Every structure is written in structure tokens, then in C-alpha cells.
Amino acid sequence: MTINNPDPQPWQTLATRAAFQNRWLQVWLDNVALPDGRQYEYTRLQGAGVGVGVLGFNANGEILLEREYRHGVNQVVWQVPGGLAKADEDLQLAGLRELEEETGYAPAEITTTSVRYLGMIWDNPGFSPMCSHIYAVWNLIPTGKIQRDPAEFVTLHWVTATWLKEAVRSGEIKDRVVVAAVAYLLLNGFLDDKR
């Protein structure tokens, strides 16, 4: 099916002012001109960095997930290890750093087959350019080098690929990074109980 409708035109930013800023977030108010010429005030968010998330597998093909309370939704949620890359930090290395800091696990070795880039998602393109890069890592081994942030209270869980797919399908898992990681793994043929 071919759609011949032209794409919408971009908005033109006329002025921007900061409304709020802390170490995690900046809130900007943009005065924009819409394609029909009307002006509109738009709220835009800018995060403190680029997100990274890692879906890790052990030698048995089990997948390492976390459970953590997330105050924004007032729930304990399923998620993958991850966080923000530091300025100018290699994204793959940032993901592996976050994995080890949060879980005490790392790949037995770093090769092109043991660490794979899956893709990038926008966290919420309606409000922000913030994005998360997702990696899959195989052959995780314990390092014992956990170094969590003061507000991170995390439990670790090894799950099967079958359980993970069903938890996403049923809506038990709602985290955007986990859902996207499952989609990327399925599309690349990586989400079997064994690799």
C-alpha cells in the first residue's frame, strides 16, 4: 500500500526559555510557529544524558532482570540494568558499566558475538529528544562488583525467554526498554531459550 500524503511540516522555534533545571532534568518552554502560522507554547524536556540498557543472558540462556520501585508510577517494575552514559562515554562501555554496577555481573569476555547492539528508542518523542540505546550481552558471570546509587534498591531475577515473552505479551512488563529489547531480540532471532 502506497500512501501519497505529504509529511507534516516541522515547527519553527521562535524563542526558548528555561523553566526548571536540576541534575537530572531541564524543562524548556518553546514559543513555536505551527505550519498554519499560529503560535503555540510547547513544553520540552531535556535529560541529563543518553540512556543505556542491557539485557543479559547467562550460559543457560536465562535472562537477568531487575525489580525496582519507580516513584513516577508508584510501583515496583520489571526492568533491565541500565542508566545514563557519562559525557563522551562509549555507549557500549556505559551499558556494561551500568550492568556490573547494578547487578555484579559482566560478560566473560567482550567480543562481537558476546555483546550486541540492538537499537535505540526515543523515551518520549512528544516531550523530549531523550533516548536509550539497548544492548544484549551473553555469557554473564558474577564479578561481585556491585556499586549502586544511593536510591537504587534492586532485586535480581533470572527468567526464561518463554517467561519474558509472556510477561511482555500479557502486559506484566510495561517498561519501554524491556519491551523494545524483546522486540529487537525477536526480530534478530536471538530470543530462544538457548542462543
Protein backbone atom coordinates (compact mmCIF):
# COMPACT_ATOMS: atom_id res chain seq x y z
CA MET A 1 0.00 0.00 0.00
CA THR A 2 1.43 3.35 -1.01
CA ILE A 3 0.47 6.48 0.88
CA ASN A 4 0.92 9.67 -1.13
CA ASN A 5 0.11 12.19 1.59
CA PRO A 6 2.96 14.60 2.27
CA ASP A 7 4.54 14.56 5.71
CA PRO A 8 3.62 17.33 8.15
CA GLN A 9 5.92 20.34 8.12
CA PRO A 10 8.29 20.94 11.09
CA TRP A 11 7.51 23.65 13.58
CA GLN A 12 9.71 26.74 13.72
CA THR A 13 11.11 27.63 17.15
CA LEU A 14 10.81 31.40 17.70
CA ALA A 15 12.07 31.60 21.30
CA THR A 16 13.09 29.28 24.12
CA ARG A 17 13.30 29.86 27.85
CA ALA A 18 14.30 27.62 30.73
CA ALA A 19 11.52 26.88 33.23
CA PHE A 20 13.29 24.44 35.57
CA GLN A 21 16.58 22.64 35.97
CA ASN A 22 18.15 20.12 38.37
CA ARG A 23 20.87 17.49 37.97
CA TRP A 24 18.52 15.09 36.14
CA LEU A 25 16.29 17.27 34.00
CA GLN A 26 15.80 20.59 32.26
CA VAL A 27 12.34 21.90 31.35
CA TRP A 28 12.17 24.31 28.39
CA LEU A 29 9.26 26.38 27.15
CA ASP A 30 9.41 26.90 23.39
CA ASN A 31 7.39 29.53 21.56
CA VAL A 32 6.85 27.89 18.16
CA ALA A 33 5.19 28.78 14.87
CA LEU A 34 2.93 25.94 13.70
CA PRO A 35 2.72 25.05 9.98
CA ASP A 36 -0.54 27.04 9.67
CA GLY A 37 1.15 30.16 11.08
CA ARG A 38 -0.37 30.11 14.57
CA GLN A 39 1.96 30.43 17.57
CA TYR A 40 1.97 27.87 20.36
CA GLU A 41 3.84 27.38 23.65
CA TYR A 42 5.33 23.89 23.88
CA THR A 43 6.91 22.25 26.94
CA ARG A 44 10.05 20.26 26.17
CA LEU A 45 12.23 18.16 28.48
CA GLN A 46 15.97 17.58 28.23
CA GLY A 47 17.56 14.79 30.23
CA ALA A 48 20.96 14.70 31.86
CA GLY A 49 22.38 12.23 29.35
CA VAL A 50 21.84 9.36 26.95
CA GLY A 51 20.26 6.22 28.37
CA VAL A 52 21.70 2.72 28.05
CA GLY A 53 20.06 -0.60 28.90
CA VAL A 54 21.40 -4.15 28.84
CA LEU A 55 19.53 -7.42 28.53
CA GLY A 56 21.93 -10.07 29.79
CA PHE A 57 21.96 -13.86 29.35
CA ASN A 58 23.82 -16.47 31.40
CA ALA A 59 25.32 -19.67 29.99
CA ASN A 60 21.97 -21.46 30.48
CA GLY A 61 20.13 -18.90 28.34
CA GLU A 62 18.37 -17.33 31.33
CA ILE A 63 17.86 -13.57 31.25
CA LEU A 64 18.80 -11.20 34.07
CA LEU A 65 16.07 -8.73 35.02
CA GLU A 66 15.70 -6.32 37.90
CA ARG A 67 12.79 -5.38 40.10
CA GLU A 68 12.92 -1.80 41.36
CA TYR A 69 10.44 0.67 42.81
CA ARG A 70 9.86 3.55 40.39
CA HIS A 71 8.34 6.58 42.07
CA GLY A 72 6.98 8.08 38.83
CA VAL A 73 4.47 5.22 38.53
CA ASN A 74 4.42 4.36 42.27
CA GLN A 75 5.10 0.69 41.51
CA VAL A 76 7.80 -1.95 41.64
CA VAL A 77 8.55 -2.70 37.98
CA TRP A 78 10.49 -5.17 35.88
CA GLN A 79 13.40 -3.59 34.05
CA VAL A 80 16.83 -4.26 32.60
CA PRO A 81 20.04 -2.92 34.15
CA GLY A 82 20.86 0.50 32.79
CA GLY A 83 21.26 4.17 33.39
CA LEU A 84 22.85 7.23 31.86
CA ALA A 85 26.08 7.31 29.92
CA LYS A 86 28.58 9.85 31.13
CA ALA A 87 29.53 12.71 28.78
CA ASP A 88 31.64 11.38 25.90
CA GLU A 89 31.46 7.80 27.30
CA ASP A 90 31.28 4.96 24.77
CA LEU A 91 27.68 3.75 24.92
CA GLN A 92 28.54 0.04 24.92
CA LEU A 93 31.03 0.55 27.75
CA ALA A 94 28.45 2.66 29.62
CA GLY A 95 25.93 -0.17 29.34
CA LEU A 96 28.46 -2.74 30.58
CA ARG A 97 29.43 -0.41 33.45
CA GLU A 98 25.80 0.04 34.47
CA LEU A 99 25.21 -3.72 34.22
CA GLU A 100 28.11 -4.52 36.54
CA GLU A 101 27.40 -1.67 38.98
CA GLU A 102 23.74 -2.64 39.39
CA THR A 103 24.00 -6.44 39.26
CA GLY A 104 27.58 -7.57 39.89
CA TYR A 105 27.57 -9.39 36.52
CA ALA A 106 29.62 -8.87 33.36
CA PRO A 107 30.25 -10.85 30.18
CA ALA A 108 33.01 -13.46 30.49
CA GLU A 109 34.66 -11.67 27.57
CA ILE A 110 33.75 -8.77 25.31
CA THR A 111 33.53 -9.89 21.68
CA THR A 112 31.34 -9.07 18.70
CA THR A 113 29.27 -12.18 19.46
CA SER A 114 29.00 -11.74 23.24
CA VAL A 115 27.88 -8.09 23.15
CA ARG A 116 25.42 -6.93 20.50
CA TYR A 117 23.89 -3.52 19.88
CA LEU A 118 20.15 -3.98 19.44
CA GLY A 119 18.98 -0.44 18.68
CA MET A 120 17.80 2.89 20.01
CA ILE A 121 14.41 4.11 21.21
CA TRP A 122 13.14 7.59 21.98
CA ASP A 123 11.94 7.72 25.57
CA ASN A 124 9.01 10.03 24.72
CA PRO A 125 9.42 11.97 21.45
CA GLY A 126 6.37 14.11 22.23
CA PHE A 127 8.28 15.81 25.04
CA SER A 128 11.96 15.19 24.62
CA PRO A 129 14.91 14.08 22.46
CA MET A 130 15.97 11.76 25.30
CA CYS A 131 16.76 8.27 24.05
CA SER A 132 18.01 4.91 25.24
CA HIS A 133 20.42 2.56 23.47
CA ILE A 134 19.84 -1.14 24.09
CA TYR A 135 22.42 -3.93 24.14
CA ALA A 136 22.25 -7.69 24.58
CA VAL A 137 25.06 -9.47 26.40
CA TRP A 138 25.69 -13.23 26.56
CA ASN A 139 27.70 -15.43 28.94
CA LEU A 140 27.29 -13.31 32.05
CA ILE A 141 29.44 -14.27 35.01
CA PRO A 142 29.38 -12.88 38.56
CA THR A 143 32.04 -10.30 39.41
CA GLY A 144 30.76 -9.24 42.83
CA LYS A 145 31.43 -5.59 41.95
CA ILE A 146 28.05 -4.06 42.82
CA GLN A 147 28.14 -0.28 43.20
CA ARG A 148 24.56 1.01 43.21
CA ASP A 149 23.45 4.62 43.52
CA PRO A 150 22.03 5.57 46.96
CA ALA A 151 18.41 5.49 45.70
CA GLU A 152 18.74 2.12 43.91
CA PHE A 153 17.06 -0.73 45.80
CA VAL A 154 17.12 -3.58 43.32
CA THR A 155 16.41 -7.31 43.39
CA LEU A 156 17.78 -9.56 40.64
CA HIS A 157 15.82 -12.31 38.89
CA TRP A 158 16.84 -14.91 36.30
CA VAL A 159 13.94 -15.64 33.92
CA THR A 160 13.50 -17.78 30.84
CA ALA A 161 12.92 -16.40 27.35
CA THR A 162 9.46 -18.03 27.40
CA TRP A 163 8.57 -16.26 30.67
CA LEU A 164 9.88 -12.92 29.39
CA LYS A 165 7.92 -13.08 26.13
CA GLU A 166 4.73 -13.96 28.00
CA ALA A 167 5.29 -11.19 30.60
CA VAL A 168 5.60 -8.63 27.79
CA ARG A 169 2.64 -10.09 25.86
CA SER A 170 0.38 -10.09 28.94
CA GLY A 171 1.35 -6.55 29.97
CA GLU A 172 3.02 -7.60 33.22
CA ILE A 173 6.14 -5.89 31.87
CA LYS A 174 5.46 -2.34 30.68
CA ASP A 175 8.92 -0.76 30.76
CA ARG A 176 9.71 0.69 27.32
CA VAL A 177 13.32 -0.54 27.28
CA VAL A 178 12.37 -4.13 28.15
CA VAL A 179 9.54 -4.19 25.60
CA ALA A 180 11.81 -2.74 22.89
CA ALA A 181 14.63 -5.14 23.79
CA VAL A 182 12.27 -8.10 23.41
CA ALA A 183 11.11 -6.80 20.03
CA TYR A 184 14.70 -6.28 18.83
CA LEU A 185 15.73 -9.74 20.04
CA LEU A 186 12.75 -11.42 18.37
CA LEU A 187 13.34 -9.58 15.10
CA ASN A 188 17.00 -10.64 15.13
CA GLY A 189 16.24 -14.26 16.03
CA PHE A 190 18.03 -14.07 19.39
CA LEU A 191 15.18 -14.79 21.83
CA ASP A 192 15.17 -18.53 22.15
CA ASP A 193 15.60 -20.34 25.46
CA LYS A 194 19.17 -21.02 24.26
CA ARG A 195 21.17 -18.91 21.84
